[in-house]
């Protein structure tokens, strides 16, 4: 198991350069910002994560298959969206 995890993280930087992974990061980023503007943070992050998971389950059943690298892209996009949201809140005048 640890060899598989090590290999995943070694392959991750190259995989994240693929166009599809960029789309996962971009969509997750914008969905996170939209969700954070309408609901509490925990709910927003959970919903966006579940949307990404649902997409991968759809791909598993009808598409190219479930991809952990796509899920990593989703998590990176969610994290970036959360960070952008927090920075935006700090920049707002009181």
N, C-alpha and C. Protein backbone atom coordinates (compact mmCIF):
# COMPACT_ATOMS: atom_id res chain seq x y z
N UNK A 1 0.81 -1.20 0.00
CA UNK A 1 0.00 0.00 0.00
C UNK A 1 0.85 1.26 0.00
N UNK A 2 1.89 1.29 0.80
CA UNK A 2 2.71 2.49 0.84
C UNK A 2 3.43 2.73 -0.48
N UNK A 3 3.75 1.68 -1.22
CA UNK A 3 4.38 1.86 -2.53
C UNK A 3 3.40 2.51 -3.50
N UNK A 4 2.15 2.14 -3.43
CA UNK A 4 1.13 2.75 -4.30
C UNK A 4 0.95 4.23 -3.96
N UNK A 5 0.96 4.55 -2.69
CA UNK A 5 0.82 5.95 -2.27
C UNK A 5 2.04 6.75 -2.72
N UNK A 6 3.21 6.18 -2.55
CA UNK A 6 4.43 6.86 -2.98
C UNK A 6 4.40 7.11 -4.49
N UNK A 7 4.00 6.11 -5.24
CA UNK A 7 3.94 6.24 -6.70
C UNK A 7 2.92 7.30 -7.11
N UNK A 8 1.76 7.33 -6.40
CA UNK A 8 0.73 8.34 -6.67
C UNK A 8 1.31 9.75 -6.55
N UNK A 9 2.01 10.01 -5.44
CA UNK A 9 2.55 11.35 -5.22
C UNK A 9 3.72 11.67 -6.15
N UNK A 10 4.43 10.67 -6.59
CA UNK A 10 5.49 10.91 -7.58
C UNK A 10 4.92 11.25 -8.95
N UNK A 11 3.79 10.64 -9.30
CA UNK A 11 3.16 10.89 -10.60
C UNK A 11 2.29 12.15 -10.61
N UNK A 12 1.85 12.59 -9.45
CA UNK A 12 0.90 13.69 -9.34
C UNK A 12 1.33 14.97 -10.06
N UNK A 13 2.55 15.48 -9.89
CA UNK A 13 2.91 16.74 -10.56
C UNK A 13 2.75 16.66 -12.09
N UNK A 14 3.15 15.56 -12.68
CA UNK A 14 3.01 15.42 -14.12
C UNK A 14 1.56 15.31 -14.54
N UNK A 15 0.77 14.57 -13.78
CA UNK A 15 -0.65 14.40 -14.10
C UNK A 15 -1.42 15.71 -14.00
N UNK A 16 -1.04 16.56 -13.03
CA UNK A 16 -1.76 17.82 -12.85
C UNK A 16 -1.55 18.79 -14.01
N UNK A 17 -0.60 18.51 -14.87
CA UNK A 17 -0.37 19.35 -16.05
C UNK A 17 -1.32 18.99 -17.18
N UNK A 18 -2.04 17.88 -17.07
CA UNK A 18 -2.97 17.46 -18.10
C UNK A 18 -4.18 18.39 -18.12
N UNK A 19 -4.73 18.62 -19.33
CA UNK A 19 -5.85 19.54 -19.50
C UNK A 19 -7.05 19.15 -18.62
N UNK A 20 -7.35 17.86 -18.57
CA UNK A 20 -8.50 17.40 -17.78
C UNK A 20 -8.35 17.73 -16.30
N UNK A 21 -7.14 17.56 -15.78
CA UNK A 21 -6.92 17.86 -14.35
C UNK A 21 -7.08 19.36 -14.10
N UNK A 22 -6.64 20.17 -15.06
CA UNK A 22 -6.83 21.62 -14.96
C UNK A 22 -8.30 21.99 -14.90
N UNK A 23 -9.11 21.27 -15.67
CA UNK A 23 -10.55 21.52 -15.64
C UNK A 23 -11.13 21.16 -14.27
N UNK A 24 -10.67 20.05 -13.71
CA UNK A 24 -11.15 19.67 -12.37
C UNK A 24 -10.78 20.74 -11.35
N UNK A 25 -9.55 21.24 -11.42
CA UNK A 25 -9.13 22.28 -10.47
C UNK A 25 -9.94 23.56 -10.68
N UNK A 26 -10.12 23.96 -11.93
CA UNK A 26 -10.84 25.20 -12.23
C UNK A 26 -12.30 25.13 -11.80
N UNK A 27 -12.98 24.05 -12.20
CA UNK A 27 -14.39 23.92 -11.82
C UNK A 27 -14.55 23.85 -10.31
N UNK A 28 -13.70 23.11 -9.64
CA UNK A 28 -13.80 23.00 -8.18
C UNK A 28 -13.54 24.35 -7.51
N UNK A 29 -12.59 25.10 -8.05
CA UNK A 29 -12.29 26.43 -7.52
C UNK A 29 -13.53 27.32 -7.58
N UNK A 30 -14.14 27.43 -8.76
CA UNK A 30 -15.29 28.33 -8.93
C UNK A 30 -16.53 27.82 -8.21
N UNK A 31 -16.74 26.51 -8.21
CA UNK A 31 -17.87 25.96 -7.45
C UNK A 31 -17.70 26.22 -5.96
N UNK A 32 -16.48 26.15 -5.47
CA UNK A 32 -16.22 26.43 -4.06
C UNK A 32 -16.54 27.88 -3.73
N UNK A 33 -16.09 28.80 -4.57
CA UNK A 33 -16.40 30.21 -4.32
C UNK A 33 -17.91 30.47 -4.35
N UNK A 34 -18.59 29.85 -5.32
CA UNK A 34 -20.05 30.03 -5.40
C UNK A 34 -20.73 29.45 -4.16
N UNK A 35 -20.31 28.27 -3.76
CA UNK A 35 -20.93 27.63 -2.60
C UNK A 35 -20.66 28.41 -1.31
N UNK A 36 -19.43 28.90 -1.17
CA UNK A 36 -19.09 29.66 0.04
C UNK A 36 -19.88 30.96 0.13
N UNK A 37 -20.32 31.48 -1.00
CA UNK A 37 -21.07 32.73 -0.98
C UNK A 37 -22.54 32.51 -0.59
N UNK A 38 -22.95 31.23 -0.52
CA UNK A 38 -24.36 30.97 -0.24
C UNK A 38 -24.62 30.11 0.99
N UNK A 39 -23.57 29.51 1.57
CA UNK A 39 -23.80 28.60 2.71
C UNK A 39 -22.58 28.55 3.61
N UNK A 40 -22.72 27.97 4.79
CA UNK A 40 -21.57 27.84 5.71
C UNK A 40 -20.43 27.05 5.06
N UNK A 41 -19.21 27.34 5.49
CA UNK A 41 -18.02 26.77 4.87
C UNK A 41 -18.02 25.25 4.84
N UNK A 42 -18.32 24.61 5.94
CA UNK A 42 -18.26 23.15 5.99
C UNK A 42 -19.23 22.53 4.99
N UNK A 43 -20.44 23.07 4.92
CA UNK A 43 -21.43 22.58 3.95
C UNK A 43 -20.97 22.83 2.53
N UNK A 44 -20.44 24.02 2.28
CA UNK A 44 -19.99 24.37 0.93
C UNK A 44 -18.88 23.44 0.46
N UNK A 45 -17.89 23.21 1.31
CA UNK A 45 -16.77 22.36 0.93
C UNK A 45 -17.21 20.92 0.73
N UNK A 46 -18.10 20.45 1.59
CA UNK A 46 -18.60 19.08 1.47
C UNK A 46 -19.39 18.89 0.18
N UNK A 47 -20.22 19.86 -0.17
CA UNK A 47 -21.03 19.75 -1.38
C UNK A 47 -20.14 19.73 -2.62
N UNK A 48 -19.16 20.61 -2.68
CA UNK A 48 -18.28 20.63 -3.84
C UNK A 48 -17.48 19.34 -3.93
N UNK A 49 -17.03 18.83 -2.81
CA UNK A 49 -16.32 17.55 -2.82
C UNK A 49 -17.23 16.43 -3.32
N UNK A 50 -18.48 16.43 -2.87
CA UNK A 50 -19.43 15.40 -3.31
C UNK A 50 -19.76 15.53 -4.80
N UNK A 51 -19.80 16.75 -5.32
CA UNK A 51 -20.02 16.94 -6.75
C UNK A 51 -18.87 16.30 -7.54
N UNK A 52 -17.64 16.55 -7.10
CA UNK A 52 -16.49 15.95 -7.77
C UNK A 52 -16.50 14.44 -7.66
N UNK A 53 -16.87 13.91 -6.50
CA UNK A 53 -16.95 12.47 -6.31
C UNK A 53 -18.04 11.87 -7.20
N UNK A 54 -19.18 12.56 -7.28
CA UNK A 54 -20.26 12.08 -8.15
C UNK A 54 -19.81 12.04 -9.61
N UNK A 55 -19.06 13.04 -10.03
CA UNK A 55 -18.53 13.05 -11.41
C UNK A 55 -17.64 11.85 -11.65
N UNK A 56 -16.78 11.53 -10.69
CA UNK A 56 -15.88 10.38 -10.85
C UNK A 56 -16.65 9.06 -10.81
N UNK A 57 -17.70 8.99 -10.01
CA UNK A 57 -18.53 7.78 -10.00
C UNK A 57 -19.25 7.63 -11.34
N UNK A 58 -19.69 8.73 -11.91
CA UNK A 58 -20.30 8.71 -13.25
C UNK A 58 -19.27 8.21 -14.27
N UNK A 59 -18.08 8.73 -14.20
CA UNK A 59 -17.02 8.28 -15.11
C UNK A 59 -16.72 6.79 -14.92
N UNK A 60 -16.76 6.32 -13.69
CA UNK A 60 -16.52 4.91 -13.41
C UNK A 60 -17.57 4.04 -14.11
N UNK A 61 -18.81 4.50 -14.07
CA UNK A 61 -19.92 3.71 -14.65
C UNK A 61 -20.05 3.89 -16.14
N UNK A 62 -19.90 5.13 -16.63
CA UNK A 62 -20.22 5.42 -18.03
C UNK A 62 -19.07 6.00 -18.84
N UNK A 63 -17.98 6.38 -18.20
CA UNK A 63 -16.92 7.09 -18.91
C UNK A 63 -15.60 6.36 -18.90
N UNK A 64 -14.57 7.12 -18.66
CA UNK A 64 -13.19 6.61 -18.77
C UNK A 64 -12.70 5.91 -17.50
N UNK A 65 -13.51 5.89 -16.45
CA UNK A 65 -13.12 5.24 -15.21
C UNK A 65 -12.84 6.25 -14.10
N UNK A 66 -12.88 5.77 -12.88
CA UNK A 66 -12.60 6.59 -11.71
C UNK A 66 -11.12 6.94 -11.70
N UNK A 67 -10.80 8.20 -11.43
CA UNK A 67 -9.41 8.64 -11.46
C UNK A 67 -9.07 9.39 -10.17
N UNK A 68 -8.15 8.83 -9.42
CA UNK A 68 -7.71 9.49 -8.18
C UNK A 68 -7.00 10.81 -8.48
N UNK A 69 -6.37 10.91 -9.65
CA UNK A 69 -5.71 12.17 -10.01
C UNK A 69 -6.75 13.26 -10.26
N UNK A 70 -7.91 12.90 -10.82
CA UNK A 70 -9.00 13.86 -10.97
C UNK A 70 -9.48 14.32 -9.60
N UNK A 71 -9.60 13.38 -8.66
CA UNK A 71 -10.03 13.75 -7.31
C UNK A 71 -8.99 14.65 -6.65
N UNK A 72 -7.72 14.39 -6.90
CA UNK A 72 -6.67 15.27 -6.37
C UNK A 72 -6.83 16.67 -6.95
N UNK A 73 -7.13 16.76 -8.24
CA UNK A 73 -7.39 18.06 -8.87
C UNK A 73 -8.57 18.76 -8.22
N UNK A 74 -9.62 17.99 -7.92
CA UNK A 74 -10.78 18.57 -7.24
C UNK A 74 -10.38 19.14 -5.87
N UNK A 75 -9.61 18.37 -5.12
CA UNK A 75 -9.19 18.82 -3.79
C UNK A 75 -8.31 20.06 -3.86
N UNK A 76 -7.44 20.13 -4.85
CA UNK A 76 -6.59 21.31 -5.02
C UNK A 76 -7.46 22.52 -5.35
N UNK A 77 -8.43 22.35 -6.24
CA UNK A 77 -9.33 23.45 -6.58
C UNK A 77 -10.15 23.91 -5.39
N UNK A 78 -10.63 22.96 -4.61
CA UNK A 78 -11.40 23.30 -3.40
C UNK A 78 -10.52 24.07 -2.42
N UNK A 79 -9.30 23.59 -2.21
CA UNK A 79 -8.39 24.28 -1.30
C UNK A 79 -8.05 25.68 -1.78
N UNK A 80 -7.82 25.82 -3.07
CA UNK A 80 -7.52 27.14 -3.63
C UNK A 80 -8.72 28.07 -3.51
N UNK A 81 -9.91 27.53 -3.73
CA UNK A 81 -11.12 28.34 -3.58
C UNK A 81 -11.33 28.80 -2.15
N UNK A 82 -11.11 27.89 -1.22
CA UNK A 82 -11.22 28.25 0.21
C UNK A 82 -10.19 29.31 0.58
N UNK A 83 -8.97 29.16 0.09
CA UNK A 83 -7.92 30.14 0.38
C UNK A 83 -8.27 31.50 -0.23
N UNK A 84 -8.74 31.50 -1.47
CA UNK A 84 -9.13 32.76 -2.12
C UNK A 84 -10.27 33.42 -1.35
N UNK A 85 -11.22 32.62 -0.89
CA UNK A 85 -12.34 33.15 -0.11
C UNK A 85 -11.84 33.79 1.18
N UNK A 86 -10.94 33.11 1.87
CA UNK A 86 -10.41 33.64 3.12
C UNK A 86 -9.61 34.92 2.89
N UNK A 87 -8.80 34.95 1.85
CA UNK A 87 -8.03 36.15 1.54
C UNK A 87 -8.97 37.31 1.21
N UNK A 88 -10.03 36.99 0.47
CA UNK A 88 -11.02 38.02 0.13
C UNK A 88 -11.70 38.57 1.36
N UNK A 89 -12.00 37.71 2.32
CA UNK A 89 -12.64 38.17 3.55
C UNK A 89 -11.71 39.05 4.36
N UNK A 90 -10.41 38.71 4.36
CA UNK A 90 -9.43 39.52 5.10
C UNK A 90 -9.26 40.88 4.47
N UNK A 91 -9.43 40.96 3.14
CA UNK A 91 -9.22 42.22 2.43
C UNK A 91 -10.42 43.16 2.54
N UNK A 92 -11.56 42.63 3.00
CA UNK A 92 -12.77 43.47 3.10
C UNK A 92 -12.63 44.43 4.27
N UNK A 93 -13.07 45.68 4.04
CA UNK A 93 -13.04 46.63 5.16
C UNK A 93 -14.08 46.24 6.20
N UNK A 94 -13.77 46.51 7.44
CA UNK A 94 -14.68 46.12 8.54
C UNK A 94 -15.86 47.03 8.66
